[in-house]
């Protein structure tokens, strides 16, 4: 797998994360059916942490819920640490060939 595709994936998943949080905020304001919290966490777990966290503070959405203010950054930091570990161990070298 080429690095450009990995980067493209993370750009897209973070745009989705930003968008899904923005849409959920809009739905909350209008009293519409909401995006399940499980979906928001799934997008974050799939690599959309930067997008969901940025959106959370841009739109002031879910900022009073510890589940999100602690959970999203914890997931993001864990994923970054895992990537650093895998790079250090050489498991992700194929991305840079």
C-alpha atoms as a PDB file:
ATOM      1  CA  UNK A   1       0.000   0.000   0.000  1.00  0.00           C
ATOM      2  CA  UNK A   2       1.396   3.379  -0.938  1.00  0.00           C
ATOM      3  CA  UNK A   3       1.795   6.165   1.584  1.00  0.00           C
ATOM      4  CA  UNK A   4      -0.279   8.572  -0.518  1.00  0.00           C
ATOM      5  CA  UNK A   5      -3.309   6.287  -0.127  1.00  0.00           C
ATOM      6  CA  UNK A   6      -2.829   6.103   3.634  1.00  0.00           C
ATOM      7  CA  UNK A   7      -2.633   9.896   3.812  1.00  0.00           C
ATOM      8  CA  UNK A   8      -5.708  10.216   1.579  1.00  0.00           C
ATOM      9  CA  UNK A   9      -7.603   7.828   3.860  1.00  0.00           C
ATOM     10  CA  UNK A  10      -6.786   9.893   6.954  1.00  0.00           C
ATOM     11  CA  UNK A  11      -7.722  13.154   5.231  1.00  0.00           C
ATOM     12  CA  UNK A  12     -11.077  11.701   4.165  1.00  0.00           C
ATOM     13  CA  UNK A  13     -11.901  10.062   7.524  1.00  0.00           C
ATOM     14  CA  UNK A  14     -11.100  13.318   9.347  1.00  0.00           C
ATOM     15  CA  UNK A  15     -13.296  15.323   6.978  1.00  0.00           C
ATOM     16  CA  UNK A  16     -16.049  12.788   7.673  1.00  0.00           C
ATOM     17  CA  UNK A  17     -15.418  13.167  11.427  1.00  0.00           C
ATOM     18  CA  UNK A  18     -15.649  16.933  11.191  1.00  0.00           C
ATOM     19  CA  UNK A  19     -18.792  16.709   9.094  1.00  0.00           C
ATOM     20  CA  UNK A  20     -20.593  14.149  11.219  1.00  0.00           C
ATOM     21  CA  UNK A  21     -20.072  16.228  14.373  1.00  0.00           C
ATOM     22  CA  UNK A  22     -21.239  19.395  12.580  1.00  0.00           C
ATOM     23  CA  UNK A  23     -24.361  17.639  11.300  1.00  0.00           C
ATOM     24  CA  UNK A  24     -25.094  16.233  14.763  1.00  0.00           C
ATOM     25  CA  UNK A  25     -24.816  19.730  16.255  1.00  0.00           C
ATOM     26  CA  UNK A  26     -27.232  21.048  13.630  1.00  0.00           C
ATOM     27  CA  UNK A  27     -29.655  18.207  14.370  1.00  0.00           C
ATOM     28  CA  UNK A  28     -29.399  18.900  18.118  1.00  0.00           C
ATOM     29  CA  UNK A  29     -30.275  22.556  17.604  1.00  0.00           C
ATOM     30  CA  UNK A  30     -33.255  21.726  15.382  1.00  0.00           C
ATOM     31  CA  UNK A  31     -34.533  18.871  17.543  1.00  0.00           C
ATOM     32  CA  UNK A  32     -34.056  16.303  14.775  1.00  0.00           C
ATOM     33  CA  UNK A  33     -33.044  12.653  15.087  1.00  0.00           C
ATOM     34  CA  UNK A  34     -29.431  12.521  16.291  1.00  0.00           C
ATOM     35  CA  UNK A  35     -26.329  10.657  15.229  1.00  0.00           C
ATOM     36  CA  UNK A  36     -25.709   7.819  17.715  1.00  0.00           C
ATOM     37  CA  UNK A  37     -22.737   8.360  20.044  1.00  0.00           C
ATOM     38  CA  UNK A  38     -21.484   4.943  18.977  1.00  0.00           C
ATOM     39  CA  UNK A  39     -21.135   6.270  15.412  1.00  0.00           C
ATOM     40  CA  UNK A  40     -19.161   9.313  16.583  1.00  0.00           C
ATOM     41  CA  UNK A  41     -16.770   7.066  18.500  1.00  0.00           C
ATOM     42  CA  UNK A  42     -16.485   4.651  15.573  1.00  0.00           C
ATOM     43  CA  UNK A  43     -15.383   7.437  13.235  1.00  0.00           C
ATOM     44  CA  UNK A  44     -12.833   8.535  15.838  1.00  0.00           C
ATOM     45  CA  UNK A  45     -11.564   4.957  16.247  1.00  0.00           C
ATOM     46  CA  UNK A  46     -11.200   4.616  12.473  1.00  0.00           C
ATOM     47  CA  UNK A  47      -8.688   7.471  12.474  1.00  0.00           C
ATOM     48  CA  UNK A  48     -10.934  10.524  12.454  1.00  0.00           C
ATOM     49  CA  UNK A  49      -9.756  11.849  15.811  1.00  0.00           C
ATOM     50  CA  UNK A  50      -8.366  15.137  14.548  1.00  0.00           C
ATOM     51  CA  UNK A  51     -11.617  15.890  12.706  1.00  0.00           C
ATOM     52  CA  UNK A  52     -13.966  14.949  15.530  1.00  0.00           C
ATOM     53  CA  UNK A  53     -11.953  16.823  18.158  1.00  0.00           C
ATOM     54  CA  UNK A  54     -11.605  19.921  15.970  1.00  0.00           C
ATOM     55  CA  UNK A  55     -15.330  19.866  15.222  1.00  0.00           C
ATOM     56  CA  UNK A  56     -16.200  19.339  18.869  1.00  0.00           C
ATOM     57  CA  UNK A  57     -14.571  22.643  19.775  1.00  0.00           C
ATOM     58  CA  UNK A  58     -15.383  24.541  16.568  1.00  0.00           C
ATOM     59  CA  UNK A  59     -19.100  23.926  17.040  1.00  0.00           C
ATOM     60  CA  UNK A  60     -19.054  23.616  20.854  1.00  0.00           C
ATOM     61  CA  UNK A  61     -20.659  20.219  20.555  1.00  0.00           C
ATOM     62  CA  UNK A  62     -20.335  17.536  23.250  1.00  0.00           C
ATOM     63  CA  UNK A  63     -17.783  19.665  25.128  1.00  0.00           C
ATOM     64  CA  UNK A  64     -19.569  19.220  28.456  1.00  0.00           C
ATOM     65  CA  UNK A  65     -19.600  15.431  28.254  1.00  0.00           C
ATOM     66  CA  UNK A  66     -16.507  13.824  29.782  1.00  0.00           C
ATOM     67  CA  UNK A  67     -17.103  10.759  27.639  1.00  0.00           C
ATOM     68  CA  UNK A  68     -16.148  12.916  24.638  1.00  0.00           C
ATOM     69  CA  UNK A  69     -13.686  15.434  26.097  1.00  0.00           C
ATOM     70  CA  UNK A  70     -11.639  12.600  27.592  1.00  0.00           C
ATOM     71  CA  UNK A  71     -12.547   9.790  25.196  1.00  0.00           C
ATOM     72  CA  UNK A  72     -11.743  11.391  21.830  1.00  0.00           C
ATOM     73  CA  UNK A  73      -8.274  12.661  22.824  1.00  0.00           C
ATOM     74  CA  UNK A  74      -7.489   9.354  24.557  1.00  0.00           C
ATOM     75  CA  UNK A  75      -8.318   7.452  21.380  1.00  0.00           C
ATOM     76  CA  UNK A  76      -6.261   9.851  19.257  1.00  0.00           C
ATOM     77  CA  UNK A  77      -3.211   9.727  21.548  1.00  0.00           C
ATOM     78  CA  UNK A  78      -3.435   5.928  21.722  1.00  0.00           C
ATOM     79  CA  UNK A  79      -3.546   5.665  17.934  1.00  0.00           C
ATOM     80  CA  UNK A  80      -0.565   8.009  17.537  1.00  0.00           C
ATOM     81  CA  UNK A  81       1.396   6.026  20.139  1.00  0.00           C
ATOM     82  CA  UNK A  82       0.541   2.778  18.332  1.00  0.00           C
ATOM     83  CA  UNK A  83       1.731   4.156  14.972  1.00  0.00           C
ATOM     84  CA  UNK A  84       4.972   5.400  16.548  1.00  0.00           C
ATOM     85  CA  UNK A  85       5.521   1.999  18.163  1.00  0.00           C
ATOM     86  CA  UNK A  86       4.834   0.148  14.905  1.00  0.00           C
ATOM     87  CA  UNK A  87       7.175   2.466  13.003  1.00  0.00           C
ATOM     88  CA  UNK A  88       9.866   1.940  15.641  1.00  0.00           C
ATOM     89  CA  UNK A  89       9.498  -1.838  15.417  1.00  0.00           C
ATOM     90  CA  UNK A  90       9.624  -1.673  11.621  1.00  0.00           C
ATOM     91  CA  UNK A  91       6.135  -3.007  10.978  1.00  0.00           C
ATOM     92  CA  UNK A  92       5.111   0.017   8.892  1.00  0.00           C
ATOM     93  CA  UNK A  93       8.252   0.292   6.771  1.00  0.00           C
ATOM     94  CA  UNK A  94       6.343  -0.941   3.734  1.00  0.00           C
ATOM     95  CA  UNK A  95       4.514   2.410   3.668  1.00  0.00           C
ATOM     96  CA  UNK A  96       7.733   4.279   3.004  1.00  0.00           C
ATOM     97  CA  UNK A  97       9.166   2.076   0.272  1.00  0.00           C
END
